Protein backbone atom coordinates (compact mmCIF):
# COMPACT_ATOMS: atom_id res chain seq x y z
CA MET A 1 -3.13 -12.34 -16.26
CA VAL A 2 -6.59 -10.87 -16.85
CA MET A 3 -8.95 -11.06 -13.89
CA GLU A 4 -12.52 -11.98 -14.75
CA ASP A 5 -15.11 -9.68 -13.22
CA ARG A 6 -17.56 -12.00 -11.43
CA ARG A 7 -19.65 -9.28 -9.81
CA THR A 8 -23.37 -9.85 -10.00
CA GLN A 9 -24.43 -6.86 -7.90
CA ARG A 10 -24.08 -3.11 -8.34
CA ARG A 11 -21.12 -1.64 -6.45
CA PRO A 12 -21.39 2.13 -6.07
CA GLN A 13 -18.23 4.05 -5.29
CA VAL A 14 -18.14 5.28 -1.70
CA HIS A 15 -15.70 6.65 0.84
CA PHE A 16 -16.63 4.77 4.02
CA PRO A 17 -14.12 4.41 6.86
CA ALA A 18 -13.44 0.76 7.65
CA GLU A 19 -11.26 -1.51 9.74
CA LEU A 20 -10.05 -4.95 8.72
CA ARG A 21 -9.14 -7.60 11.33
CA ALA A 22 -7.69 -10.98 10.40
CA ARG A 23 -9.28 -14.18 11.66
CA SER A 24 -7.03 -16.79 9.97
CA ASN A 25 -4.28 -17.49 7.47
CA GLY A 26 -4.67 -17.32 3.71
CA HIS A 27 -4.49 -20.06 1.09
CA GLN A 28 -0.69 -20.02 0.84
CA GLY A 29 -0.28 -20.26 4.60
CA ARG A 30 0.74 -16.61 4.91
CA ALA A 31 -0.48 -15.20 8.18
CA PHE A 32 -1.78 -11.72 8.84
CA TYR A 33 -2.37 -10.57 12.38
CA GLY A 34 -3.71 -7.34 13.75
CA ARG A 35 -5.90 -4.52 12.54
CA VAL A 36 -5.61 -2.34 9.49
CA GLU A 37 -7.35 0.97 8.95
CA CYS A 38 -9.07 0.98 5.56
CA GLN A 39 -11.41 2.85 3.35
CA ALA A 40 -14.21 1.05 1.56
CA CYS A 41 -14.12 2.44 -1.97
CA ASP A 42 -16.96 0.38 -3.41
CA VAL A 43 -19.54 -1.80 -1.69
CA SER A 44 -22.36 -4.20 -2.50
CA LYS A 45 -24.68 -6.46 -0.55
CA SER A 46 -22.14 -9.28 -0.73
CA GLY A 47 -18.72 -7.66 -0.75
CA ALA A 48 -16.43 -4.65 -0.79
CA ARG A 49 -13.23 -3.32 -2.27
CA LEU A 50 -10.98 -1.85 0.39
CA ILE A 51 -7.93 0.35 0.31
CA ALA A 52 -5.86 -0.70 3.32
CA LEU A 53 -3.58 1.91 4.84
CA SER A 54 -0.82 -0.63 5.35
CA GLU A 55 2.24 -1.88 3.52
CA GLU A 56 1.39 -5.44 4.55
CA LEU A 57 -0.74 -7.38 2.10
CA VAL A 58 -3.61 -9.42 3.53
CA PRO A 59 -3.31 -12.84 1.83
CA GLU A 60 -5.98 -14.29 -0.46
CA GLY A 61 -8.21 -16.71 1.38
CA ALA A 62 -7.73 -15.04 4.76
CA SER A 63 -10.84 -14.89 6.93
CA VAL A 64 -11.41 -11.34 8.12
CA ILE A 65 -13.86 -9.18 10.00
CA ILE A 66 -14.56 -5.82 8.41
CA LYS A 67 -16.09 -3.00 10.39
CA ILE A 68 -17.63 -0.46 8.00
CA LYS A 69 -18.93 2.91 9.20
CA PRO A 70 -20.90 4.55 6.38
CA ALA A 71 -20.33 8.30 6.36
CA ARG A 72 -23.19 10.34 7.82
CA PHE A 73 -24.91 7.24 9.19
CA ARG A 74 -25.20 6.32 12.85
CA ARG A 75 -24.66 2.58 12.63
CA SER A 76 -21.51 0.66 11.84
CA TYR A 77 -21.51 -2.88 10.46
CA ALA A 78 -19.17 -5.72 11.46
CA LEU A 79 -19.12 -8.29 8.66
CA LYS A 80 -17.26 -11.59 8.40
CA GLY A 81 -15.66 -12.23 5.04
CA THR A 82 -12.92 -13.80 2.96
CA VAL A 83 -10.22 -11.96 1.03
CA ARG A 84 -10.66 -13.00 -2.61
CA TRP A 85 -7.84 -10.95 -4.17
CA GLY A 86 -5.28 -8.35 -3.20
CA ARG A 87 -2.51 -6.24 -4.67
CA ALA A 88 -0.17 -3.50 -3.59
CA THR A 89 -0.47 0.04 -4.90
CA ARG A 90 2.21 1.22 -7.32
CA ASP A 91 4.30 2.80 -4.58
CA GLU A 92 3.64 -0.23 -2.34
CA SER A 93 2.65 1.99 0.59
CA MET A 94 -0.92 0.65 0.66
CA HIS A 95 -2.81 -2.31 -0.70
CA ILE A 96 -6.20 -2.91 -2.26
CA CYS A 97 -8.22 -6.05 -1.63
CA GLY A 98 -11.58 -7.51 -2.55
CA VAL A 99 -13.58 -9.13 0.23
CA GLU A 100 -16.60 -11.37 -0.16
CA PHE A 101 -18.89 -11.35 2.87
CA ASP A 102 -19.76 -14.67 4.55
CA GLY A 103 -23.01 -15.93 6.00
CA ALA A 104 -25.90 -14.64 3.96
CA HIS A 105 -28.13 -15.56 6.89
CA SER A 106 -26.16 -13.96 9.73
CA ARG A 107 -27.77 -11.08 11.61
CA SER A 108 -25.02 -8.59 10.75
CA THR A 109 -25.10 -9.51 7.05
CA TYR A 110 -28.89 -9.18 7.04
CA ARG A 111 -28.61 -5.66 8.52
CA TRP A 112 -25.94 -4.76 5.96
CA GLN A 113 -28.12 -6.00 3.09
CA ARG A 114 -31.06 -3.92 4.35
CA PHE A 115 -28.80 -0.87 4.56
CA MET A 116 -27.50 -1.45 1.02
CA LYS A 117 -31.02 -1.84 -0.37
CA ARG A 118 -31.98 1.58 1.06
CA PHE A 119 -28.63 3.11 0.11
CA LEU A 120 -28.94 2.00 -3.53
CA LYS A 121 -32.58 3.04 -3.76
CA LYS A 122 -31.75 6.58 -2.57
CA ARG A 123 -29.19 6.81 -5.35
CA GLY A 124 -31.57 5.50 -8.01
CA ILE A 125 -29.61 2.28 -8.52
CA ASP A 126 -31.50 -0.97 -9.08
CA ALA A 127 -30.62 -3.44 -6.33
């Protein structure tokens, strides 16, 4: 199965520490509870790709809260989102997932979008 790339925003590669916390079950009723240490490996104003340091796969459709702490920046960002896809790594010791952020008008999302605008501008990437 070929996955269609639906990204509309630039996603620079990064290495930001992150934490993922589940808020609900996924589409297939699979539950995920607890916290998972992650690394954000690419980010945009509306989403992120995370490498989760866990063998447990967070199910598609699960509502999550992601706390991202950009390296060398003082502020961290807690963003609500939905897992859109996920897969295990080849050795199945970790998993990778794509998260779309919720609430374009929430205060935390607004702060994140302002950060991303400055972050992209500093790197010469059109936002």
